[in-house]
N, C-alpha and C. Protein backbone atom coordinates (compact mmCIF):
# COMPACT_ATOMS: atom_id res chain seq x y z
N MET A 1 13.53 5.59 -9.11
CA MET A 1 13.95 4.45 -7.95
C MET A 1 12.60 3.88 -7.60
N SER A 2 12.54 2.48 -7.38
CA SER A 2 11.09 2.28 -7.00
C SER A 2 11.29 2.32 -5.31
N PRO A 3 10.42 2.23 -4.54
CA PRO A 3 10.63 2.74 -2.76
C PRO A 3 10.71 1.10 -2.08
N PRO A 4 11.68 1.33 -1.06
CA PRO A 4 12.34 -0.08 -0.51
C PRO A 4 11.26 -0.69 0.29
N ASN A 5 10.09 -0.11 0.55
CA ASN A 5 9.17 -0.79 1.47
C ASN A 5 7.63 -0.09 1.02
N LEU A 6 6.77 -1.15 1.36
CA LEU A 6 5.19 -0.65 1.43
C LEU A 6 4.98 -0.68 2.86
N VAL A 7 4.27 0.49 3.35
CA VAL A 7 3.85 0.54 4.71
C VAL A 7 2.58 1.04 4.64
N LEU A 8 1.86 0.39 5.40
CA LEU A 8 0.40 0.62 5.57
C LEU A 8 0.26 1.10 7.27
N THR A 9 -0.53 2.24 7.31
CA THR A 9 -0.71 2.62 8.62
C THR A 9 -2.06 3.13 9.08
N PHE A 10 -2.73 2.04 9.83
CA PHE A 10 -3.96 2.29 10.36
C PHE A 10 -4.25 3.08 11.52
N GLU A 11 -5.64 3.60 11.76
CA GLU A 11 -5.76 4.63 12.90
C GLU A 11 -5.71 3.52 14.31
N LYS A 12 -6.05 2.25 14.33
CA LYS A 12 -6.40 1.47 15.15
C LYS A 12 -5.68 0.09 14.58
N PRO A 13 -5.33 -0.83 15.48
CA PRO A 13 -4.48 -2.10 15.20
C PRO A 13 -5.37 -2.88 14.31
N ALA A 14 -4.89 -3.83 12.98
CA ALA A 14 -5.54 -4.37 12.27
C ALA A 14 -4.41 -5.24 12.05
N MET A 15 -4.90 -6.39 11.20
CA MET A 15 -4.58 -7.46 10.63
C MET A 15 -4.71 -7.33 9.18
N VAL A 16 -3.43 -7.46 8.39
CA VAL A 16 -3.67 -7.29 6.92
C VAL A 16 -3.76 -8.62 6.17
N MET A 17 -5.06 -8.74 5.51
CA MET A 17 -5.58 -10.41 5.34
C MET A 17 -4.89 -10.35 3.78
N ASN A 18 -5.13 -9.42 2.95
CA ASN A 18 -4.63 -9.36 1.81
C ASN A 18 -4.12 -8.14 1.21
N LEU A 19 -2.85 -8.22 0.48
CA LEU A 19 -2.39 -7.08 -0.04
C LEU A 19 -1.57 -7.49 -1.46
N THR A 20 -2.01 -6.50 -2.32
CA THR A 20 -1.37 -6.65 -3.75
C THR A 20 -0.71 -5.42 -4.40
N LEU A 21 0.10 -5.36 -5.20
CA LEU A 21 0.84 -4.44 -5.68
C LEU A 21 0.83 -4.52 -7.24
N THR A 22 0.27 -3.94 -8.03
CA THR A 22 0.14 -4.07 -9.62
C THR A 22 0.47 -2.92 -10.58
N ASP A 23 1.12 -3.26 -11.66
CA ASP A 23 1.33 -1.91 -12.37
C ASP A 23 0.18 -1.59 -13.33
N ASP A 24 0.44 -0.59 -14.04
CA ASP A 24 -0.71 0.03 -14.77
C ASP A 24 -1.13 -1.05 -15.87
N LYS A 25 -0.44 -1.92 -16.27
CA LYS A 25 -1.13 -3.10 -16.99
C LYS A 25 -1.82 -4.11 -16.39
N GLY A 26 -1.75 -4.17 -15.14
CA GLY A 26 -2.34 -4.91 -14.05
C GLY A 26 -1.51 -6.25 -13.53
N LYS A 27 -0.33 -6.25 -14.34
CA LYS A 27 0.66 -7.25 -13.74
C LYS A 27 0.95 -7.24 -12.37
N ALA A 28 1.07 -8.27 -11.61
CA ALA A 28 1.58 -8.12 -10.33
C ALA A 28 2.90 -8.19 -9.92
N ILE A 29 3.24 -7.39 -9.22
CA ILE A 29 4.66 -7.58 -8.45
C ILE A 29 4.54 -8.20 -7.35
N ASP A 30 5.35 -9.36 -7.21
CA ASP A 30 5.33 -10.17 -6.38
C ASP A 30 6.54 -9.85 -5.12
N PHE A 31 5.95 -9.44 -4.03
CA PHE A 31 6.86 -9.07 -2.87
C PHE A 31 6.86 -10.12 -1.65
N ASN A 32 6.20 -11.29 -2.22
CA ASN A 32 6.34 -12.36 -1.09
C ASN A 32 5.12 -12.09 0.17
N PHE A 33 3.81 -11.26 -0.16
CA PHE A 33 3.16 -11.07 1.11
C PHE A 33 2.59 -12.57 1.66
N LYS A 34 2.29 -12.64 2.69
CA LYS A 34 1.97 -13.78 3.53
C LYS A 34 0.80 -12.84 4.75
N ALA A 35 -0.20 -13.50 4.86
CA ALA A 35 -1.16 -13.07 5.58
C ALA A 35 -0.52 -13.35 6.96
N SER A 36 -1.09 -12.85 8.05
CA SER A 36 -0.26 -13.17 9.15
C SER A 36 -1.56 -12.66 10.47
N ASN A 37 -1.22 -13.28 11.63
CA ASN A 37 -2.18 -12.78 12.56
C ASN A 37 -1.52 -11.70 13.48
N ASP A 38 -0.60 -11.19 13.02
CA ASP A 38 -0.29 -10.04 13.33
C ASP A 38 -0.96 -8.81 13.55
N THR A 39 -1.80 -8.17 14.63
CA THR A 39 -2.52 -7.05 14.86
C THR A 39 -1.59 -5.88 15.49
N LYS A 40 -1.42 -4.84 14.26
CA LYS A 40 -0.84 -3.92 15.00
C LYS A 40 -0.93 -2.50 13.77
N VAL A 41 -0.69 -1.46 14.20
CA VAL A 41 -1.35 -0.06 13.62
C VAL A 41 -0.22 -0.04 12.19
N THR A 42 1.10 -0.47 12.23
CA THR A 42 1.77 -0.18 11.29
C THR A 42 2.18 -1.55 10.62
N HIS A 43 2.14 -1.63 9.50
CA HIS A 43 2.68 -3.24 8.55
C HIS A 43 3.62 -2.54 7.60
N GLN A 44 4.93 -3.41 7.75
CA GLN A 44 5.75 -2.74 6.64
C GLN A 44 6.23 -3.96 6.04
N TYR A 45 6.17 -3.97 4.44
CA TYR A 45 6.90 -5.23 3.79
C TYR A 45 7.75 -4.70 2.70
N LYS A 46 8.82 -5.39 2.60
CA LYS A 46 10.12 -5.36 1.93
C LYS A 46 9.94 -5.56 0.42
N LEU A 47 9.91 -4.34 -0.60
CA LEU A 47 9.75 -4.38 -1.91
C LEU A 47 11.01 -4.66 -2.73
N PRO A 48 10.70 -5.79 -3.86
CA PRO A 48 11.79 -5.64 -4.81
C PRO A 48 12.28 -4.57 -5.57
N PRO A 49 13.07 -4.19 -6.30
CA PRO A 49 13.15 -3.34 -7.35
C PRO A 49 12.27 -3.43 -8.44
N PHE A 50 11.60 -2.18 -9.04
CA PHE A 50 10.78 -2.48 -10.03
C PHE A 50 10.93 -1.17 -10.87
N GLY A 51 10.37 -1.17 -12.06
CA GLY A 51 10.61 0.26 -13.29
C GLY A 51 9.76 1.12 -12.96
N ASN A 52 9.96 2.38 -13.65
CA ASN A 52 9.42 3.33 -13.65
C ASN A 52 7.70 2.85 -14.05
N GLY A 53 6.75 4.13 -13.46
CA GLY A 53 5.44 3.84 -13.84
C GLY A 53 4.53 3.96 -12.91
N LEU A 54 3.06 3.76 -13.16
CA LEU A 54 1.93 4.11 -11.97
C LEU A 54 1.60 2.34 -11.70
N TYR A 55 1.66 2.51 -9.95
CA TYR A 55 1.34 1.25 -9.47
C TYR A 55 0.11 1.39 -8.47
N THR A 56 -0.50 0.16 -8.32
CA THR A 56 -1.82 0.39 -7.41
C THR A 56 -1.59 -0.93 -6.40
N VAL A 57 -1.73 -0.56 -5.17
CA VAL A 57 -1.85 -1.14 -4.15
C VAL A 57 -3.14 -1.56 -3.44
N ASN A 58 -3.96 -2.47 -3.36
CA ASN A 58 -4.97 -3.07 -2.84
C ASN A 58 -4.92 -4.01 -1.71
N TRP A 59 -5.74 -3.47 -0.83
CA TRP A 59 -5.54 -4.11 0.88
C TRP A 59 -6.94 -4.52 1.38
N THR A 60 -6.86 -5.60 2.08
CA THR A 60 -8.00 -6.01 3.14
C THR A 60 -7.53 -6.11 4.40
N ALA A 61 -8.13 -5.43 5.36
CA ALA A 61 -7.69 -5.84 6.88
C ALA A 61 -8.96 -5.93 7.72
N MET A 62 -8.38 -6.86 8.83
CA MET A 62 -9.45 -6.93 9.70
C MET A 62 -9.22 -6.13 11.06
N GLY A 63 -10.17 -5.39 11.46
CA GLY A 63 -9.69 -4.82 12.77
C GLY A 63 -9.96 -5.75 14.10
N THR A 64 -9.56 -5.62 15.38
CA THR A 64 -9.41 -6.18 16.55
C THR A 64 -11.14 -6.67 16.69
N ASP A 65 -12.13 -5.63 16.33
CA ASP A 65 -13.57 -6.12 16.85
C ASP A 65 -14.10 -6.80 15.62
N GLY A 66 -13.29 -7.27 14.55
CA GLY A 66 -13.65 -8.18 13.56
C GLY A 66 -14.31 -7.38 12.08
N HIS A 67 -14.25 -6.05 12.37
CA HIS A 67 -14.48 -5.41 11.32
C HIS A 67 -13.65 -5.38 9.79
N ASN A 68 -14.13 -5.71 8.70
CA ASN A 68 -13.14 -5.98 7.85
C ASN A 68 -13.29 -4.48 6.89
N MET A 69 -12.03 -4.39 6.44
CA MET A 69 -11.91 -3.02 5.46
C MET A 69 -10.91 -3.21 4.51
N LYS A 70 -11.26 -2.44 3.76
CA LYS A 70 -10.56 -2.62 2.27
C LYS A 70 -10.30 -1.14 1.82
N GLY A 71 -9.08 -1.10 0.92
CA GLY A 71 -8.99 -0.03 0.08
C GLY A 71 -7.97 -0.28 -1.13
N ALA A 72 -7.68 0.91 -1.45
CA ALA A 72 -6.69 0.84 -2.44
C ALA A 72 -6.07 2.36 -2.73
N PHE A 73 -4.93 2.44 -3.42
CA PHE A 73 -4.33 3.88 -3.76
C PHE A 73 -3.19 3.53 -4.83
N THR A 74 -2.73 4.65 -5.57
CA THR A 74 -1.69 4.58 -6.65
C THR A 74 -0.57 5.57 -6.20
N PHE A 75 0.37 5.09 -6.64
CA PHE A 75 1.41 5.85 -6.66
C PHE A 75 2.43 5.52 -7.90
N SER A 76 3.17 6.71 -8.16
CA SER A 76 3.82 6.62 -9.55
C SER A 76 5.65 6.59 -8.82
N VAL A 77 6.44 5.95 -9.79
CA VAL A 77 7.74 5.75 -9.59
C VAL A 77 8.24 6.75 -11.00
N GLY A 78 9.19 7.71 -10.93
CA GLY A 78 9.93 8.24 -11.97
C GLY A 78 8.79 8.98 -12.85
N ALA A 79 7.55 9.21 -12.66
CA ALA A 79 7.05 10.03 -13.38
C ALA A 79 5.65 10.52 -12.71
N GLU A 80 4.95 11.63 -13.10
CA GLU A 80 3.78 12.30 -12.29
C GLU A 80 2.81 11.30 -12.44
N ALA A 81 1.86 10.92 -11.37
CA ALA A 81 0.69 10.03 -11.26
C ALA A 81 -0.30 10.63 -11.91
N LYS A 82 -1.25 9.90 -12.47
CA LYS A 82 -2.64 10.37 -12.96
C LYS A 82 -3.52 10.40 -11.88
N PRO A 83 -4.35 11.35 -11.77
CA PRO A 83 -5.33 11.36 -10.65
C PRO A 83 -5.96 9.70 -10.63
N ALA A 84 -6.34 9.27 -9.50
CA ALA A 84 -7.05 8.03 -9.82
C ALA A 84 -7.58 8.19 -8.12
N ALA A 85 -9.01 7.18 -8.19
CA ALA A 85 -9.90 7.07 -7.24
C ALA A 85 -9.25 6.57 -6.02
N GLN A 86 -9.36 6.93 -5.07
CA GLN A 86 -8.60 6.18 -3.79
C GLN A 86 -9.43 5.76 -2.70
N ASN A 87 -9.53 4.55 -2.18
CA ASN A 87 -10.32 4.38 -1.40
C ASN A 87 -9.35 4.00 -0.28
N HIS A 88 -9.61 4.96 1.21
CA HIS A 88 -8.58 4.30 2.23
C HIS A 88 -9.52 4.27 3.57
N GLU A 89 -10.70 3.60 3.38
CA GLU A 89 -11.31 3.30 4.61
C GLU A 89 -10.32 2.76 5.71
N GLY A 90 -10.51 3.45 6.84
CA GLY A 90 -9.87 2.87 8.25
C GLY A 90 -8.16 3.15 8.21
N MET A 91 -7.76 3.83 7.19
CA MET A 91 -6.55 4.47 7.08
C MET A 91 -6.33 6.02 7.27
N LYS A 92 -5.05 6.47 7.98
CA LYS A 92 -4.71 7.62 8.20
C LYS A 92 -4.69 8.24 6.91
N GLU A 93 -4.88 9.66 6.80
CA GLU A 93 -4.89 10.56 5.72
C GLU A 93 -3.44 10.61 5.20
N HIS A 94 -2.22 10.82 6.14
CA HIS A 94 -0.70 10.53 5.76
C HIS A 94 -0.30 9.25 5.24
N ASP A 95 -0.99 8.23 4.94
CA ASP A 95 -0.30 6.79 4.70
C ASP A 95 0.28 6.92 3.31
N HIS A 96 1.16 6.30 3.15
CA HIS A 96 1.61 6.17 1.80
C HIS A 96 2.65 4.89 1.80
N ALA A 97 3.09 4.63 0.71
CA ALA A 97 3.96 3.39 0.29
C ALA A 97 5.30 3.34 0.44
N GLY A 98 5.71 4.06 1.64
CA GLY A 98 7.04 4.01 1.43
C GLY A 98 7.76 5.23 2.28
N LYS A 99 8.95 5.24 2.48
CA LYS A 99 9.49 6.51 3.32
C LYS A 99 10.07 7.53 2.21
N ASP A 100 10.19 6.80 1.14
CA ASP A 100 10.74 7.65 -0.04
C ASP A 100 9.62 8.59 -0.55
N MET A 101 8.55 8.28 -0.30
CA MET A 101 7.22 8.75 -1.12
C MET A 101 6.81 10.32 -0.06
N ASP A 102 6.29 11.29 -0.89
CA ASP A 102 5.78 12.20 -0.15
C ASP A 102 3.92 11.89 0.14
N HIS A 103 3.39 12.82 0.49
CA HIS A 103 1.41 12.49 0.55
C HIS A 103 0.82 11.93 -0.51
N SER A 104 1.16 12.29 -1.84
CA SER A 104 0.52 12.39 -2.72
C SER A 104 0.77 10.76 -3.32
N GLY A 105 2.18 10.17 -2.99
CA GLY A 105 2.26 9.02 -3.64
C GLY A 105 3.37 9.09 -4.28
N HIS A 106 3.99 10.49 -4.66
CA HIS A 106 5.11 10.66 -5.56
C HIS A 106 6.47 10.34 -5.11
N THR A 107 7.40 10.12 -5.89
CA THR A 107 8.69 9.77 -5.03
C THR A 107 9.39 11.22 -5.13
N LYS A 108 10.13 11.05 -3.83
CA LYS A 108 10.83 12.38 -3.79
C LYS A 108 11.87 12.74 -4.66
């Protein structure tokens, strides 16, 4: 089962400028992301249902000091995730893509 939400948590308040979710073939999962001026620590986005597989989240954010940050992480639905490079500048170590995921990005 796919996670109901995508949650980004930063160490300090930030604005999410760009956010994408793609499957292992690079196909975008549309979840109606719209950039906003909301500067906060935690950002949550409702996700549509999607199938089993490996997914990648790419994000770009800006801190209140104007510092730009970007990163990416992967998670799997219904299968073991393959190791992937992760870039999480500005994010807390325990960030994940939804309440139904453990810290490695695997669904529970």
